[in-house]
Amino acid sequence: MLEPVLSWTLRRCQSEGVHMLETHWSLAGEGEFIETAAPYRRKLSTWTYFYRANNPELRELLNDRQVWGSLLI
């Protein structure tokens, strides 16, 4: 799902005159499409805040790195 969503987003940015699309997370499943569609990278400092989930079920879910990649869908 990443490829069609990112393709749509990039087309919309182009049609609206947006020259930069920036994310603040690593794109899950980086590969040839990502390298072609988003060839530029820049180093940003790490987040200046942290989250703490009070709900134990939510905390356990958010500790799973696989979940963060699925949020891009």
C-alpha atoms as a PDB file:
ATOM      1  CA  MET A   1       0.000   0.000   0.000  1.00  0.00           C
ATOM      2  CA  LEU A   2       2.932   2.361   0.508  1.00  0.00           C
ATOM      3  CA  GLU A   3       3.651   2.763  -3.206  1.00  0.00           C
ATOM      4  CA  PRO A   4       0.142   3.827  -4.326  1.00  0.00           C
ATOM      5  CA  VAL A   5      -0.351   6.119  -1.333  1.00  0.00           C
ATOM      6  CA  LEU A   6       3.015   7.805  -1.819  1.00  0.00           C
ATOM      7  CA  SER A   7       2.452   8.068  -5.593  1.00  0.00           C
ATOM      8  CA  TRP A   8      -0.906   9.766  -5.047  1.00  0.00           C
ATOM      9  CA  THR A   9       0.623  12.108  -2.473  1.00  0.00           C
ATOM     10  CA  LEU A  10       3.499  13.087  -4.757  1.00  0.00           C
ATOM     11  CA  ARG A  11       1.109  13.754  -7.674  1.00  0.00           C
ATOM     12  CA  ARG A  12      -1.036  15.954  -5.445  1.00  0.00           C
ATOM     13  CA  CYS A  13       2.013  17.842  -4.206  1.00  0.00           C
ATOM     14  CA  GLN A  14       3.059  18.451  -7.807  1.00  0.00           C
ATOM     15  CA  SER A  15      -0.405  19.637  -8.862  1.00  0.00           C
ATOM     16  CA  GLU A  16      -0.586  22.031  -5.893  1.00  0.00           C
ATOM     17  CA  GLY A  17       2.934  23.393  -6.335  1.00  0.00           C
ATOM     18  CA  VAL A  18       4.347  21.765  -3.204  1.00  0.00           C
ATOM     19  CA  HIS A  19       8.088  21.348  -3.726  1.00  0.00           C
ATOM     20  CA  MET A  20       8.950  19.244  -0.688  1.00  0.00           C
ATOM     21  CA  LEU A  21       7.207  16.346   1.006  1.00  0.00           C
ATOM     22  CA  GLU A  22       8.809  15.497   4.297  1.00  0.00           C
ATOM     23  CA  THR A  23       8.252  12.672   6.739  1.00  0.00           C
ATOM     24  CA  HIS A  24       9.587  12.396  10.246  1.00  0.00           C
ATOM     25  CA  TRP A  25       9.811   8.642  10.321  1.00  0.00           C
ATOM     26  CA  SER A  26      11.591   5.962   8.384  1.00  0.00           C
ATOM     27  CA  LEU A  27       9.592   4.674   5.446  1.00  0.00           C
ATOM     28  CA  ALA A  28       8.894   1.010   6.038  1.00  0.00           C
ATOM     29  CA  GLY A  29       9.827  -1.283   3.219  1.00  0.00           C
ATOM     30  CA  GLU A  30      12.274   1.097   1.582  1.00  0.00           C
ATOM     31  CA  GLY A  31      13.302  -0.225  -1.781  1.00  0.00           C
ATOM     32  CA  GLU A  32      13.694   0.694  -5.444  1.00  0.00           C
ATOM     33  CA  PHE A  33      10.403   2.635  -5.558  1.00  0.00           C
ATOM     34  CA  ILE A  34      11.329   4.746  -2.534  1.00  0.00           C
ATOM     35  CA  GLU A  35      14.825   5.411  -3.888  1.00  0.00           C
ATOM     36  CA  THR A  36      13.312   6.591  -7.191  1.00  0.00           C
ATOM     37  CA  ALA A  37      10.379   8.557  -5.751  1.00  0.00           C
ATOM     38  CA  ALA A  38      12.252  10.044  -2.799  1.00  0.00           C
ATOM     39  CA  PRO A  39      15.959  10.083  -3.639  1.00  0.00           C
ATOM     40  CA  TYR A  40      16.994  12.822  -1.208  1.00  0.00           C
ATOM     41  CA  ARG A  41      17.655  12.424   2.498  1.00  0.00           C
ATOM     42  CA  ARG A  42      18.674  14.830   5.199  1.00  0.00           C
ATOM     43  CA  LYS A  43      19.790  14.251   8.738  1.00  0.00           C
ATOM     44  CA  LEU A  44      17.422  15.588  11.354  1.00  0.00           C
ATOM     45  CA  SER A  45      17.972  15.642  15.067  1.00  0.00           C
ATOM     46  CA  THR A  46      16.099  13.070  17.079  1.00  0.00           C
ATOM     47  CA  TRP A  47      12.704  13.797  18.524  1.00  0.00           C
ATOM     48  CA  THR A  48      12.740  16.291  21.365  1.00  0.00           C
ATOM     49  CA  TYR A  49      10.000  14.435  23.217  1.00  0.00           C
ATOM     50  CA  PHE A  50       8.996  10.912  24.115  1.00  0.00           C
ATOM     51  CA  TYR A  51       5.603   9.330  24.545  1.00  0.00           C
ATOM     52  CA  ARG A  52       4.398   7.242  27.432  1.00  0.00           C
ATOM     53  CA  ALA A  53       1.276   5.197  26.949  1.00  0.00           C
ATOM     54  CA  ASN A  54      -0.583   4.733  30.236  1.00  0.00           C
ATOM     55  CA  ASN A  55      -2.758   1.962  28.814  1.00  0.00           C
ATOM     56  CA  PRO A  56      -0.787  -1.321  29.134  1.00  0.00           C
ATOM     57  CA  GLU A  57      -2.349  -2.834  25.979  1.00  0.00           C
ATOM     58  CA  LEU A  58      -1.517   0.271  23.941  1.00  0.00           C
ATOM     59  CA  ARG A  59       2.009   0.351  25.403  1.00  0.00           C
ATOM     60  CA  GLU A  60       2.589  -3.252  24.346  1.00  0.00           C
ATOM     61  CA  LEU A  61       1.225  -2.568  20.870  1.00  0.00           C
ATOM     62  CA  LEU A  62       3.400   0.526  20.367  1.00  0.00           C
ATOM     63  CA  ASN A  63       6.521  -1.351  21.486  1.00  0.00           C
ATOM     64  CA  ASP A  64       6.169  -3.556  18.385  1.00  0.00           C
ATOM     65  CA  ARG A  65       8.207  -1.979  15.522  1.00  0.00           C
ATOM     66  CA  GLN A  66       5.992  -3.759  12.954  1.00  0.00           C
ATOM     67  CA  VAL A  67       3.025  -1.648  14.110  1.00  0.00           C
ATOM     68  CA  TRP A  68       4.809   1.601  13.297  1.00  0.00           C
ATOM     69  CA  GLY A  69       5.378   0.508   9.698  1.00  0.00           C
ATOM     70  CA  SER A  70       1.702  -0.395   9.313  1.00  0.00           C
ATOM     71  CA  LEU A  71       0.676   3.135  10.359  1.00  0.00           C
ATOM     72  CA  LEU A  72       1.852   4.342   6.964  1.00  0.00           C
ATOM     73  CA  ILE A  73      -0.949   2.474   5.250  1.00  0.00           C
END
